[in-house]
């Protein structure tokens, strides 16, 4: 379990803003980068933190 501060900041931003778009803008990263950070965090903790759906 290797969790980074960057991953935690990404998760906090996602929770606070409620969307990947807003969180990525807040953190000045692409949505793809944010999604990757969240996936890495989920993998490191071995738990699903975000329910994803397709449009």
PDB file of N, CA and C in Angstrom:
ATOM      1  N   UNK A   1       0.853  -1.172   0.000  1.00  0.00           N
ATOM      2  CA  UNK A   1       0.000   0.000   0.000  1.00  0.00           C
ATOM      3  C   UNK A   1       0.902   1.239   0.000  1.00  0.00           C
ATOM      4  N   UNK A   2       1.053   1.839  -1.168  1.00  0.00           N
ATOM      5  CA  UNK A   2       1.896   3.018  -1.313  1.00  0.00           C
ATOM      6  C   UNK A   2       1.024   4.182  -1.763  1.00  0.00           C
ATOM      7  N   UNK A   3       0.572   4.979  -0.817  1.00  0.00           N
ATOM      8  CA  UNK A   3      -0.320   6.100  -1.100  1.00  0.00           C
ATOM      9  C   UNK A   3       0.487   7.389  -1.028  1.00  0.00           C
ATOM     10  N   UNK A   4       0.304   8.243  -2.041  1.00  0.00           N
ATOM     11  CA  UNK A   4       1.051   9.497  -2.073  1.00  0.00           C
ATOM     12  C   UNK A   4       0.159  10.678  -1.681  1.00  0.00           C
ATOM     13  N   UNK A   5       0.809  11.749  -1.275  1.00  0.00           N
ATOM     14  CA  UNK A   5       0.089  12.971  -0.940  1.00  0.00           C
ATOM     15  C   UNK A   5      -0.641  13.513  -2.170  1.00  0.00           C
ATOM     16  N   UNK A   6      -0.040  13.366  -3.326  1.00  0.00           N
ATOM     17  CA  UNK A   6      -0.669  13.830  -4.575  1.00  0.00           C
ATOM     18  C   UNK A   6      -1.989  13.090  -4.829  1.00  0.00           C
ATOM     19  N   UNK A   7      -1.990  11.785  -4.589  1.00  0.00           N
ATOM     20  CA  UNK A   7      -3.213  10.998  -4.764  1.00  0.00           C
ATOM     21  C   UNK A   7      -4.284  11.439  -3.772  1.00  0.00           C
ATOM     22  N   UNK A   8      -3.896  11.672  -2.540  1.00  0.00           N
ATOM     23  CA  UNK A   8      -4.859  12.107  -1.528  1.00  0.00           C
ATOM     24  C   UNK A   8      -5.421  13.483  -1.854  1.00  0.00           C
ATOM     25  N   UNK A   9      -4.569  14.391  -2.322  1.00  0.00           N
ATOM     26  CA  UNK A   9      -5.046  15.718  -2.718  1.00  0.00           C
ATOM     27  C   UNK A   9      -6.032  15.612  -3.876  1.00  0.00           C
ATOM     28  N   UNK A  10      -5.755  14.720  -4.806  1.00  0.00           N
ATOM     29  CA  UNK A  10      -6.655  14.520  -5.940  1.00  0.00           C
ATOM     30  C   UNK A  10      -8.010  14.017  -5.453  1.00  0.00           C
ATOM     31  N   UNK A  11      -8.005  13.079  -4.521  1.00  0.00           N
ATOM     32  CA  UNK A  11      -9.257  12.540  -4.000  1.00  0.00           C
ATOM     33  C   UNK A  11     -10.040  13.603  -3.238  1.00  0.00           C
ATOM     34  N   UNK A  12      -9.361  14.385  -2.422  1.00  0.00           N
ATOM     35  CA  UNK A  12     -10.029  15.459  -1.676  1.00  0.00           C
ATOM     36  C   UNK A  12     -10.652  16.458  -2.639  1.00  0.00           C
ATOM     37  N   UNK A  13      -9.927  16.836  -3.674  1.00  0.00           N
ATOM     38  CA  UNK A  13     -10.461  17.777  -4.664  1.00  0.00           C
ATOM     39  C   UNK A  13     -11.678  17.187  -5.361  1.00  0.00           C
ATOM     40  N   UNK A  14     -11.633  15.906  -5.670  1.00  0.00           N
ATOM     41  CA  UNK A  14     -12.758  15.243  -6.326  1.00  0.00           C
ATOM     42  C   UNK A  14     -13.991  15.243  -5.424  1.00  0.00           C
ATOM     43  N   UNK A  15     -13.802  14.943  -4.164  1.00  0.00           N
ATOM     44  CA  UNK A  15     -14.923  14.923  -3.216  1.00  0.00           C
ATOM     45  C   UNK A  15     -15.486  16.332  -3.013  1.00  0.00           C
ATOM     46  N   UNK A  16     -14.611  17.294  -2.851  1.00  0.00           N
ATOM     47  CA  UNK A  16     -15.064  18.672  -2.608  1.00  0.00           C
ATOM     48  C   UNK A  16     -15.807  19.261  -3.798  1.00  0.00           C
ATOM     49  N   UNK A  17     -15.327  18.993  -5.008  1.00  0.00           N
ATOM     50  CA  UNK A  17     -15.940  19.589  -6.195  1.00  0.00           C
ATOM     51  C   UNK A  17     -17.083  18.753  -6.743  1.00  0.00           C
ATOM     52  N   UNK A  18     -17.034  17.452  -6.514  1.00  0.00           N
ATOM     53  CA  UNK A  18     -18.105  16.580  -6.971  1.00  0.00           C
ATOM     54  C   UNK A  18     -17.997  16.117  -8.409  1.00  0.00           C
ATOM     55  N   UNK A  19     -16.915  16.490  -9.093  1.00  0.00           N
ATOM     56  CA  UNK A  19     -16.765  16.030 -10.478  1.00  0.00           C
ATOM     57  C   UNK A  19     -15.295  15.979 -10.868  1.00  0.00           C
ATOM     58  N   UNK A  20     -15.001  15.089 -11.816  1.00  0.00           N
ATOM     59  CA  UNK A  20     -13.640  14.982 -12.324  1.00  0.00           C
ATOM     60  C   UNK A  20     -13.243  16.259 -13.059  1.00  0.00           C
ATOM     61  N   UNK A  21     -14.179  16.848 -13.782  1.00  0.00           N
ATOM     62  CA  UNK A  21     -13.889  18.068 -14.541  1.00  0.00           C
ATOM     63  C   UNK A  21     -13.478  19.204 -13.615  1.00  0.00           C
ATOM     64  N   UNK A  22     -14.291  19.466 -12.603  1.00  0.00           N
ATOM     65  CA  UNK A  22     -14.001  20.562 -11.675  1.00  0.00           C
ATOM     66  C   UNK A  22     -12.731  20.293 -10.871  1.00  0.00           C
ATOM     67  N   UNK A  23     -12.546  19.063 -10.447  1.00  0.00           N
ATOM     68  CA  UNK A  23     -11.354  18.729  -9.665  1.00  0.00           C
ATOM     69  C   UNK A  23     -10.087  18.870 -10.501  1.00  0.00           C
ATOM     70  N   UNK A  24     -10.144  18.449 -11.748  1.00  0.00           N
ATOM     71  CA  UNK A  24      -8.961  18.569 -12.604  1.00  0.00           C
ATOM     72  C   UNK A  24      -8.631  20.034 -12.868  1.00  0.00           C
ATOM     73  N   UNK A  25      -9.646  20.854 -13.029  1.00  0.00           N
ATOM     74  CA  UNK A  25      -9.403  22.297 -13.201  1.00  0.00           C
ATOM     75  C   UNK A  25      -8.793  22.897 -11.940  1.00  0.00           C
ATOM     76  N   UNK A  26      -9.323  22.504 -10.801  1.00  0.00           N
ATOM     77  CA  UNK A  26      -8.828  23.016  -9.521  1.00  0.00           C
ATOM     78  C   UNK A  26      -7.356  22.656  -9.309  1.00  0.00           C
ATOM     79  N   UNK A  27      -6.985  21.450  -9.705  1.00  0.00           N
ATOM     80  CA  UNK A  27      -5.616  20.971  -9.501  1.00  0.00           C
ATOM     81  C   UNK A  27      -4.684  21.295 -10.670  1.00  0.00           C
ATOM     82  N   UNK A  28      -5.252  21.856 -11.741  1.00  0.00           N
ATOM     83  CA  UNK A  28      -4.470  22.194 -12.940  1.00  0.00           C
ATOM     84  C   UNK A  28      -3.816  20.960 -13.554  1.00  0.00           C
ATOM     85  N   UNK A  29      -4.610  19.891 -13.665  1.00  0.00           N
ATOM     86  CA  UNK A  29      -4.168  18.666 -14.330  1.00  0.00           C
ATOM     87  C   UNK A  29      -5.252  18.249 -15.313  1.00  0.00           C
ATOM     88  N   UNK A  30      -4.918  17.348 -16.220  1.00  0.00           N
ATOM     89  CA  UNK A  30      -5.923  16.847 -17.149  1.00  0.00           C
ATOM     90  C   UNK A  30      -6.853  15.882 -16.420  1.00  0.00           C
ATOM     91  N   UNK A  31      -8.026  15.677 -17.001  1.00  0.00           N
ATOM     92  CA  UNK A  31      -8.964  14.713 -16.416  1.00  0.00           C
ATOM     93  C   UNK A  31      -8.355  13.318 -16.420  1.00  0.00           C
ATOM     94  N   UNK A  32      -7.608  13.018 -17.466  1.00  0.00           N
ATOM     95  CA  UNK A  32      -6.958  11.719 -17.566  1.00  0.00           C
ATOM     96  C   UNK A  32      -5.948  11.521 -16.434  1.00  0.00           C
ATOM     97  N   UNK A  33      -5.177  12.554 -16.145  1.00  0.00           N
ATOM     98  CA  UNK A  33      -4.198  12.470 -15.056  1.00  0.00           C
ATOM     99  C   UNK A  33      -4.896  12.296 -13.708  1.00  0.00           C
ATOM    100  N   UNK A  34      -5.975  13.031 -13.512  1.00  0.00           N
ATOM    101  CA  UNK A  34      -6.739  12.922 -12.268  1.00  0.00           C
ATOM    102  C   UNK A  34      -7.322  11.517 -12.121  1.00  0.00           C
ATOM    103  N   UNK A  35      -7.889  11.017 -13.184  1.00  0.00           N
ATOM    104  CA  UNK A  35      -8.453   9.670 -13.166  1.00  0.00           C
ATOM    105  C   UNK A  35      -7.386   8.636 -12.825  1.00  0.00           C
ATOM    106  N   UNK A  36      -6.207   8.806 -13.390  1.00  0.00           N
ATOM    107  CA  UNK A  36      -5.104   7.893 -13.099  1.00  0.00           C
ATOM    108  C   UNK A  36      -4.692   7.936 -11.640  1.00  0.00           C
ATOM    109  N   UNK A  37      -4.645   9.128 -11.074  1.00  0.00           N
ATOM    110  CA  UNK A  37      -4.297   9.261  -9.657  1.00  0.00           C
ATOM    111  C   UNK A  37      -5.323   8.564  -8.769  1.00  0.00           C
ATOM    112  N   UNK A  38      -6.594   8.733  -9.104  1.00  0.00           N
ATOM    113  CA  UNK A  38      -7.654   8.099  -8.311  1.00  0.00           C
ATOM    114  C   UNK A  38      -7.583   6.580  -8.450  1.00  0.00           C
ATOM    115  N   UNK A  39      -7.344   6.096  -9.656  1.00  0.00           N
ATOM    116  CA  UNK A  39      -7.218   4.644  -9.861  1.00  0.00           C
ATOM    117  C   UNK A  39      -6.034   4.081  -9.089  1.00  0.00           C
ATOM    118  N   UNK A  40      -4.911   4.806  -9.095  1.00  0.00           N
ATOM    119  CA  UNK A  40      -3.734   4.366  -8.337  1.00  0.00           C
ATOM    120  C   UNK A  40      -4.039   4.332  -6.840  1.00  0.00           C
ATOM    121  N   UNK A  41      -4.751   5.336  -6.359  1.00  0.00           N
ATOM    122  CA  UNK A  41      -5.127   5.378  -4.943  1.00  0.00           C
ATOM    123  C   UNK A  41      -6.029   4.197  -4.602  1.00  0.00           C
ATOM    124  N   UNK A  42      -7.014   3.939  -5.440  1.00  0.00           N
ATOM    125  CA  UNK A  42      -7.914   2.805  -5.214  1.00  0.00           C
ATOM    126  C   UNK A  42      -7.133   1.495  -5.204  1.00  0.00           C
ATOM    127  N   UNK A  43      -6.202   1.367  -6.122  1.00  0.00           N
ATOM    128  CA  UNK A  43      -5.394   0.145  -6.183  1.00  0.00           C
ATOM    129  C   UNK A  43      -4.526   0.015  -4.925  1.00  0.00           C
ATOM    130  N   UNK A  44      -3.920   1.119  -4.508  1.00  0.00           N
ATOM    131  CA  UNK A  44      -3.064   1.093  -3.325  1.00  0.00           C
ATOM    132  C   UNK A  44      -3.812   0.754  -2.053  1.00  0.00           C
ATOM    133  N   UNK A  45      -5.065   1.195  -1.977  1.00  0.00           N
ATOM    134  CA  UNK A  45      -5.890   0.917  -0.797  1.00  0.00           C
ATOM    135  C   UNK A  45      -6.720  -0.350  -0.950  1.00  0.00           C
ATOM    136  N   UNK A  46      -6.739  -0.889  -2.168  1.00  0.00           N
ATOM    137  CA  UNK A  46      -7.522  -2.075  -2.500  1.00  0.00           C
ATOM    138  C   UNK A  46      -9.003  -1.878  -2.171  1.00  0.00           C
ATOM    139  N   UNK A  47      -9.524  -0.708  -2.601  1.00  0.00           N
ATOM    140  CA  UNK A  47     -10.934  -0.393  -2.379  1.00  0.00           C
ATOM    141  C   UNK A  47     -11.401   0.557  -3.478  1.00  0.00           C
ATOM    142  N   UNK A  48     -12.646   0.408  -3.883  1.00  0.00           N
ATOM    143  CA  UNK A  48     -13.223   1.327  -4.865  1.00  0.00           C
ATOM    144  C   UNK A  48     -13.734   2.556  -4.126  1.00  0.00           C
ATOM    145  N   UNK A  49     -13.186   3.722  -4.460  1.00  0.00           N
ATOM    146  CA  UNK A  49     -13.564   4.963  -3.793  1.00  0.00           C
ATOM    147  C   UNK A  49     -14.595   5.750  -4.577  1.00  0.00           C
ATOM    148  N   UNK A  50     -14.627   5.533  -5.889  1.00  0.00           N
ATOM    149  CA  UNK A  50     -15.481   6.319  -6.767  1.00  0.00           C
ATOM    150  C   UNK A  50     -16.318   5.378  -7.622  1.00  0.00           C
ATOM    151  N   UNK A  51     -17.611   5.657  -7.687  1.00  0.00           N
ATOM    152  CA  UNK A  51     -18.483   4.895  -8.577  1.00  0.00           C
ATOM    153  C   UNK A  51     -18.467   5.577  -9.937  1.00  0.00           C
ATOM    154  N   UNK A  52     -17.976   4.865 -10.931  1.00  0.00           N
ATOM    155  CA  UNK A  52     -17.861   5.438 -12.271  1.00  0.00           C
ATOM    156  C   UNK A  52     -19.008   4.955 -13.138  1.00  0.00           C
ATOM    157  N   UNK A  53     -19.449   5.844 -14.013  1.00  0.00           N
ATOM    158  CA  UNK A  53     -20.480   5.467 -14.984  1.00  0.00           C
ATOM    159  C   UNK A  53     -20.131   6.117 -16.311  1.00  0.00           C
ATOM    160  N   UNK A  54     -20.597   5.523 -17.383  1.00  0.00           N
ATOM    161  CA  UNK A  54     -20.365   6.096 -18.707  1.00  0.00           C
ATOM    162  C   UNK A  54     -21.581   6.904 -19.105  1.00  0.00           C
ATOM    163  N   UNK A  55     -21.357   7.871 -19.943  1.00  0.00           N
ATOM    164  CA  UNK A  55     -22.476   8.711 -20.381  1.00  0.00           C
ATOM    165  C   UNK A  55     -23.174   8.106 -21.548  1.00  0.00           C
TER     166      UNK A  55
END
